[in-house]
Amino acid sequence: MNQTAPDVTQEIERYAQQFQALKDEIGKVIVGQSTMIDRLLLAILAGGHVLVEGLPGLAKTTAIKTLASAVNAKFTRVQFTPDLLPADLIGTQIYRPNTGEFTTRKGPVFTNFLLADEINRAPAKVQSALLEAMAEGQVTLANETYALQEPFVVLATQNPIEQEGTYPLPEAQVDRFMLKLRVGYPNKVEEKEIMQRMAHGDVAETTTLMEPADLLAARKLVNSIYVDDKVADYIVDIVFATREPGLYGLKELESLVEYGASPRATIYLNRASRVYAFLAGRSYVTPQDVKTIGPDILRHRLLLSYEAEARDLTSDDLIERIFNTVDVP
């Protein structure tokens, strides 16, 4: 029997409280970085992958590891290096002389949360191997295809491109990341607390508050979040404004954007807005939900022109103009 609207609303509110408790639990270990934690929770609920960009020492790895522990999910960390091979990531076939047969040794990609640390240090072959796992939720070894266990989320960290020994990720792979987060330094109060915790060795242990099955059940409930046609049109308009800015009163952006966001941006923006509303305990999406999550969905999907780079403009600058100009329903 289908749930009535009040039943769905109550269920959403209950889950929202659980995820708030989950965020509080992670906050016992991580000082600050509230936005990063919010977006990580959003990504695992939406079934999307996350690219986190920031300098070393900003608790990116610790946050992801703590989240995995709090939901009792299998966690694997892979350090991406220039000499990493595809087999080091997805596994390989091993010949057994005593039996004359090949056996499969599965790699670290067979997990729930895969932390791809410094992903932009790995060569193209490794990126291609990871792309199948991200796009299809499966891995091919020899002639066999193996499905990855749900939930499967890639949480990749990336040093800024200007850092020595890093390489831009392929556009096809970048587009597979639902979110791209930029992590900055903590403020003075947060940094003082970090210093005092480390000086006294105060490292809190994480309590398990959820199971992977709970995440999958919550994902299904996200599908019941209501998106009005006007909000859906707004999402489409935002994405189209990145491709045809002149039609939306943004003619000055035509020379600044080489390529706009792909249709995957529309899909992800809709999905992420639903999850954002879900985490707020609401059963419907508002335009403000779209505006809040939009920059994290779009910033890595805009390819800027040489003119934009010469003017020292970033994709965030252009996205802000788009959201300030496109009519809000």
Protein backbone atom coordinates (compact mmCIF):
# COMPACT_ATOMS: atom_id res chain seq x y z
CA MET A 1 0.00 0.00 0.00
CA ASN A 2 1.34 3.45 -0.93
CA GLN A 3 2.21 5.88 1.81
CA THR A 4 0.01 8.95 2.17
CA ALA A 5 1.63 12.40 1.99
CA PRO A 6 1.66 12.84 5.81
CA ASP A 7 3.32 9.44 6.19
CA VAL A 8 6.04 10.42 3.71
CA THR A 9 6.58 13.76 5.43
CA GLN A 10 6.97 12.10 8.84
CA GLU A 11 9.41 9.59 7.38
CA ILE A 12 11.46 12.38 5.80
CA GLU A 13 11.57 14.31 9.09
CA ARG A 14 12.73 11.18 10.92
CA TYR A 15 15.54 10.58 8.47
CA ALA A 16 16.52 14.26 8.56
CA GLN A 17 16.99 13.98 12.32
CA GLN A 18 19.12 10.87 11.86
CA PHE A 19 21.37 12.60 9.36
CA GLN A 20 21.69 15.63 11.63
CA ALA A 21 22.82 13.26 14.39
CA LEU A 22 25.27 11.77 11.89
CA LYS A 23 26.65 15.23 11.12
CA ASP A 24 27.01 15.96 14.84
CA GLU A 25 28.88 12.69 15.30
CA ILE A 26 31.34 13.62 12.55
CA GLY A 27 31.69 17.05 14.18
CA LYS A 28 33.14 15.35 17.27
CA VAL A 29 36.17 14.46 15.16
CA ILE A 30 36.28 17.26 12.58
CA VAL A 31 36.51 20.88 13.71
CA GLY A 32 34.70 23.22 11.30
CA GLN A 33 34.35 22.27 7.61
CA SER A 34 30.58 22.23 8.05
CA THR A 35 29.85 22.78 4.36
CA MET A 36 32.13 19.93 3.30
CA ILE A 37 30.43 17.54 5.73
CA ASP A 38 26.97 18.66 4.52
CA ARG A 39 27.94 18.01 0.91
CA LEU A 40 29.47 14.62 1.67
CA LEU A 41 26.22 13.55 3.32
CA LEU A 42 24.28 14.89 0.35
CA ALA A 43 26.46 12.96 -2.09
CA ILE A 44 26.11 9.58 -0.40
CA LEU A 45 22.33 10.08 -0.26
CA ALA A 46 22.19 11.10 -3.91
CA GLY A 47 24.46 8.26 -5.01
CA GLY A 48 26.89 10.73 -6.55
CA HIS A 49 30.67 11.02 -6.51
CA VAL A 50 32.53 13.95 -4.98
CA LEU A 51 35.69 15.77 -6.00
CA VAL A 52 37.22 17.72 -3.11
CA GLU A 53 39.87 20.30 -3.99
CA GLY A 54 42.08 21.86 -1.36
CA LEU A 55 45.58 22.13 -0.03
CA PRO A 56 47.01 19.37 2.22
CA GLY A 57 46.15 19.34 5.91
CA LEU A 58 42.51 20.45 5.71
CA ALA A 59 40.96 17.23 7.14
CA LYS A 60 39.60 16.01 3.79
CA THR A 61 40.75 12.43 4.35
CA THR A 62 39.75 12.41 8.03
CA ALA A 63 36.24 13.65 7.23
CA ILE A 64 35.63 10.94 4.65
CA LYS A 65 37.05 8.20 6.85
CA THR A 66 34.97 9.34 9.83
CA LEU A 67 31.80 9.38 7.71
CA ALA A 68 32.42 5.81 6.56
CA SER A 69 32.89 4.70 10.16
CA ALA A 70 29.69 6.42 11.30
CA VAL A 71 27.58 4.57 8.70
CA ASN A 72 29.40 1.25 9.20
CA ALA A 73 30.41 1.17 5.55
CA LYS A 74 33.49 -0.48 4.07
CA PHE A 75 36.16 2.15 3.50
CA THR A 76 39.24 1.91 1.29
CA ARG A 77 41.89 4.51 0.65
CA VAL A 78 44.08 4.51 -2.45
CA GLN A 79 46.99 6.92 -2.80
CA PHE A 80 47.13 7.93 -6.44
CA THR A 81 50.69 8.26 -7.74
CA PRO A 82 52.27 8.56 -11.21
CA ASP A 83 53.36 4.89 -11.11
CA LEU A 84 49.92 3.49 -10.11
CA LEU A 85 48.61 0.79 -12.46
CA PRO A 86 44.97 -0.06 -13.29
CA ALA A 87 45.46 -3.49 -11.68
CA ASP A 88 46.41 -1.75 -8.42
CA LEU A 89 42.95 -0.23 -8.39
CA ILE A 90 40.49 -2.70 -9.91
CA GLY A 91 42.38 -5.99 -9.43
CA THR A 92 43.76 -8.58 -11.83
CA GLN A 93 43.71 -12.20 -12.96
CA ILE A 94 46.35 -14.43 -11.32
CA TYR A 95 47.50 -17.70 -12.87
CA ARG A 96 47.71 -20.68 -10.49
CA PRO A 97 50.27 -23.21 -11.84
CA ASN A 98 49.08 -25.98 -9.53
CA THR A 99 45.55 -25.87 -10.97
CA GLY A 100 46.27 -24.40 -14.39
CA GLU A 101 43.50 -21.85 -13.87
CA PHE A 102 43.20 -18.10 -13.41
CA THR A 103 41.72 -16.68 -10.24
CA THR A 104 40.48 -13.15 -9.70
CA ARG A 105 42.10 -10.89 -7.15
CA LYS A 106 39.74 -7.98 -6.59
CA GLY A 107 41.27 -4.56 -6.05
CA PRO A 108 40.46 -1.82 -3.52
CA VAL A 109 37.68 -0.46 -5.76
CA PHE A 110 35.43 -3.22 -4.36
CA THR A 111 34.24 -1.20 -1.38
CA ASN A 112 31.47 1.19 -0.32
CA PHE A 113 33.48 4.39 0.06
CA LEU A 114 36.58 4.67 -2.09
CA LEU A 115 38.87 7.53 -1.13
CA ALA A 116 40.96 8.38 -4.19
CA ASP A 117 43.61 10.53 -2.55
CA GLU A 118 45.31 13.07 -4.82
CA ILE A 119 43.46 11.68 -7.84
CA ASN A 120 45.09 14.14 -10.24
CA ARG A 121 48.52 12.56 -9.76
CA ALA A 122 47.60 9.31 -11.54
CA PRO A 123 48.13 8.56 -15.26
CA ALA A 124 45.36 8.33 -17.86
CA LYS A 125 45.10 4.50 -17.80
CA VAL A 126 44.21 4.53 -14.11
CA GLN A 127 41.65 7.28 -14.66
CA SER A 128 40.04 5.20 -17.43
CA ALA A 129 39.82 2.17 -15.15
CA LEU A 130 38.15 4.25 -12.46
CA LEU A 131 35.72 5.78 -14.97
CA GLU A 132 33.89 2.47 -15.57
CA ALA A 133 33.40 1.99 -11.84
CA MET A 134 32.08 5.53 -11.41
CA ALA A 135 29.84 5.50 -14.48
CA GLU A 136 28.49 1.95 -14.50
CA GLY A 137 28.94 0.71 -10.95
CA GLN A 138 30.89 -2.26 -12.27
CA VAL A 139 34.42 -3.41 -13.11
CA THR A 140 35.60 -5.57 -16.00
CA LEU A 141 38.49 -7.99 -15.40
CA ALA A 142 39.53 -10.03 -18.42
CA ASN A 143 36.17 -11.08 -19.90
CA GLU A 144 34.25 -10.99 -16.63
CA THR A 145 32.15 -8.10 -15.34
CA TYR A 146 31.75 -7.66 -11.58
CA ALA A 147 29.07 -5.44 -10.04
CA LEU A 148 30.17 -3.16 -7.21
CA GLN A 149 28.35 -3.31 -3.90
CA GLU A 150 25.86 -0.54 -3.15
CA PRO A 151 26.30 2.05 -1.86
CA PHE A 152 29.41 2.80 -3.92
CA VAL A 153 30.74 6.35 -3.77
CA VAL A 154 34.07 7.70 -4.97
CA LEU A 155 35.33 10.53 -2.80
CA ALA A 156 38.36 11.99 -4.53
CA THR A 157 40.74 14.62 -3.24
CA GLN A 158 42.69 16.84 -5.57
CA ASN A 159 45.48 19.31 -5.10
CA PRO A 160 45.15 22.56 -7.05
CA ILE A 161 46.43 22.16 -10.61
CA GLU A 162 49.23 24.63 -9.96
CA GLN A 163 50.88 22.14 -7.60
CA GLU A 164 53.92 20.38 -9.05
CA GLY A 165 53.35 16.87 -10.38
CA THR A 166 49.60 17.16 -10.95
CA TYR A 167 47.62 16.72 -14.16
CA PRO A 168 44.16 17.90 -15.24
CA LEU A 169 41.56 15.12 -15.08
CA PRO A 170 39.87 14.04 -18.35
CA GLU A 171 36.70 16.02 -19.04
CA ALA A 172 34.61 12.82 -19.24
CA GLN A 173 35.69 11.84 -15.75
CA VAL A 174 35.27 15.29 -14.25
CA ASP A 175 31.68 15.29 -15.53
CA ARG A 176 31.02 12.05 -13.63
CA PHE A 177 31.53 13.81 -10.31
CA MET A 178 28.23 15.10 -9.01
CA LEU A 179 29.88 17.72 -6.82
CA LYS A 180 33.14 19.60 -6.78
CA LEU A 181 33.93 21.14 -3.41
CA ARG A 182 36.57 23.71 -2.61
CA VAL A 183 37.88 23.45 0.94
CA GLY A 184 39.54 26.43 2.60
CA TYR A 185 41.49 27.03 5.77
CA PRO A 186 39.72 27.04 9.16
CA ASN A 187 39.16 30.33 10.96
CA LYS A 188 41.18 31.38 14.02
CA VAL A 189 38.77 29.91 16.57
CA GLU A 190 38.62 26.57 14.75
CA GLU A 191 42.36 26.39 14.29
CA LYS A 192 42.95 27.08 17.98
CA GLU A 193 40.57 24.24 18.89
CA ILE A 194 42.37 21.92 16.46
CA MET A 195 45.70 22.83 18.05
CA GLN A 196 44.42 22.21 21.58
CA ARG A 197 42.83 18.89 20.66
CA MET A 198 46.03 17.64 19.08
CA ALA A 199 48.16 18.92 21.97
CA HIS A 200 46.11 16.87 24.45
CA GLY A 201 45.59 13.89 22.14
CA ASP A 202 41.81 14.39 22.28
CA VAL A 203 40.77 12.25 19.32
CA ALA A 204 37.13 11.23 19.67
CA GLU A 205 36.01 7.77 18.65
CA THR A 206 33.21 7.56 16.13
CA THR A 207 29.97 5.81 17.07
CA THR A 208 28.15 3.88 14.34
CA LEU A 209 24.73 5.47 13.87
CA MET A 210 23.60 3.92 10.57
CA GLU A 211 24.03 0.94 8.33
CA PRO A 212 24.50 0.94 4.55
CA ALA A 213 20.95 -0.47 4.23
CA ASP A 214 19.63 2.69 5.92
CA LEU A 215 21.34 4.81 3.27
CA LEU A 216 19.77 2.80 0.47
CA ALA A 217 16.32 3.09 2.09
CA ALA A 218 16.78 6.85 2.44
CA ARG A 219 17.76 7.10 -1.24
CA LYS A 220 14.43 5.56 -2.24
CA LEU A 221 12.58 8.05 -0.05
CA VAL A 222 14.37 10.93 -1.80
CA ASN A 223 12.46 10.01 -4.97
CA SER A 224 9.24 11.07 -3.24
CA ILE A 225 10.46 14.67 -2.81
CA TYR A 226 8.16 16.93 -4.85
CA VAL A 227 9.62 19.19 -7.57
CA ASP A 228 7.14 21.67 -9.00
CA ASP A 229 7.17 22.21 -12.78
CA LYS A 230 8.26 25.83 -12.26
CA VAL A 231 11.25 24.70 -10.20
CA ALA A 232 12.07 22.05 -12.80
CA ASP A 233 11.98 24.74 -15.51
CA TYR A 234 14.25 26.90 -13.35
CA ILE A 235 16.80 24.08 -13.16
CA VAL A 236 16.73 23.67 -16.94
CA ASP A 237 17.02 27.44 -17.45
CA ILE A 238 20.09 27.62 -15.21
CA VAL A 239 21.85 24.88 -17.18
CA PHE A 240 20.83 26.34 -20.55
CA ALA A 241 22.12 29.74 -19.45
CA THR A 242 25.61 28.20 -19.25
CA ARG A 243 25.29 27.15 -22.91
CA GLU A 244 23.33 30.01 -24.44
CA PRO A 245 23.84 32.95 -22.06
CA GLY A 246 22.66 35.51 -24.63
CA LEU A 247 19.11 34.15 -24.42
CA TYR A 248 19.02 34.98 -20.71
CA GLY A 249 20.37 38.53 -20.80
CA LEU A 250 23.96 37.39 -20.24
CA LYS A 251 25.47 38.28 -23.61
CA GLU A 252 28.78 39.24 -21.98
CA LEU A 253 29.23 35.59 -20.95
CA GLU A 254 29.21 34.36 -24.57
CA SER A 255 32.90 35.20 -24.98
CA LEU A 256 33.80 33.85 -21.53
CA VAL A 257 32.31 30.33 -21.66
CA GLU A 258 33.78 27.93 -24.22
CA TYR A 259 31.43 25.06 -23.35
CA GLY A 260 28.49 25.01 -20.97
CA ALA A 261 27.25 22.30 -18.64
CA SER A 262 26.20 18.90 -20.00
CA PRO A 263 22.74 17.31 -19.57
CA ARG A 264 24.24 15.43 -16.64
CA ALA A 265 24.28 18.76 -14.80
CA THR A 266 20.49 19.01 -15.13
CA ILE A 267 20.04 15.49 -13.78
CA TYR A 268 22.43 16.05 -10.87
CA LEU A 269 21.04 19.48 -10.00
CA ASN A 270 17.55 18.02 -9.78
CA ARG A 271 18.73 15.08 -7.69
CA ALA A 272 20.93 17.16 -5.39
CA SER A 273 18.14 19.70 -4.81
CA ARG A 274 15.82 16.88 -3.76
CA VAL A 275 18.39 15.57 -1.30
CA TYR A 276 19.04 19.09 0.04
CA ALA A 277 15.32 19.45 0.76
CA PHE A 278 15.27 15.95 2.26
CA LEU A 279 18.09 16.79 4.68
CA ALA A 280 16.19 19.94 5.68
CA GLY A 281 13.22 17.74 6.58
CA ARG A 282 11.02 19.01 3.72
CA SER A 283 9.05 17.01 1.19
CA TYR A 284 9.37 19.62 -1.58
CA VAL A 285 12.14 21.55 -3.36
CA THR A 286 12.35 25.36 -3.33
CA PRO A 287 14.25 27.60 -5.78
CA GLN A 288 16.60 28.48 -2.91
CA ASP A 289 17.60 24.81 -2.66
CA VAL A 290 18.65 24.97 -6.32
CA LYS A 291 20.58 28.21 -5.79
CA THR A 292 22.37 26.86 -2.72
CA ILE A 293 23.58 23.59 -4.21
CA GLY A 294 23.96 24.87 -7.78
CA PRO A 295 27.56 26.16 -7.64
CA ASP A 296 28.87 22.80 -6.37
CA ILE A 297 27.12 21.03 -9.27
CA LEU A 298 28.19 23.45 -12.00
CA ARG A 299 31.67 24.77 -11.15
CA HIS A 300 33.56 21.88 -12.77
CA ARG A 301 31.30 21.65 -15.82
CA LEU A 302 32.00 25.05 -17.35
CA LEU A 303 34.97 25.26 -19.70
CA LEU A 304 36.12 28.87 -19.68
CA SER A 305 37.61 30.68 -22.66
CA TYR A 306 41.09 32.20 -22.84
CA GLU A 307 39.49 35.62 -22.42
CA ALA A 308 37.97 34.58 -19.08
CA GLU A 309 41.31 33.24 -17.89
CA ALA A 310 43.06 36.43 -19.04
CA ARG A 311 40.57 38.44 -16.99
CA ASP A 312 41.26 36.16 -14.00
CA LEU A 313 37.65 35.03 -13.84
CA THR A 314 36.65 31.69 -12.35
CA SER A 315 33.69 29.44 -13.08
CA ASP A 316 32.27 30.47 -9.69
CA ASP A 317 32.24 34.12 -10.83
CA LEU A 318 30.23 33.26 -13.93
CA ILE A 319 27.87 30.92 -12.08
CA GLU A 320 27.10 33.71 -9.61
CA ARG A 321 26.17 36.01 -12.51
CA ILE A 322 23.89 33.35 -13.95
CA PHE A 323 22.03 32.78 -10.68
CA ASN A 324 21.71 36.54 -10.14
CA THR A 325 20.24 37.05 -13.62
CA VAL A 326 17.99 34.07 -14.43
CA ASP A 327 14.42 34.70 -13.24
CA VAL A 328 13.49 32.84 -10.06
CA PRO A 329 9.99 31.28 -10.03
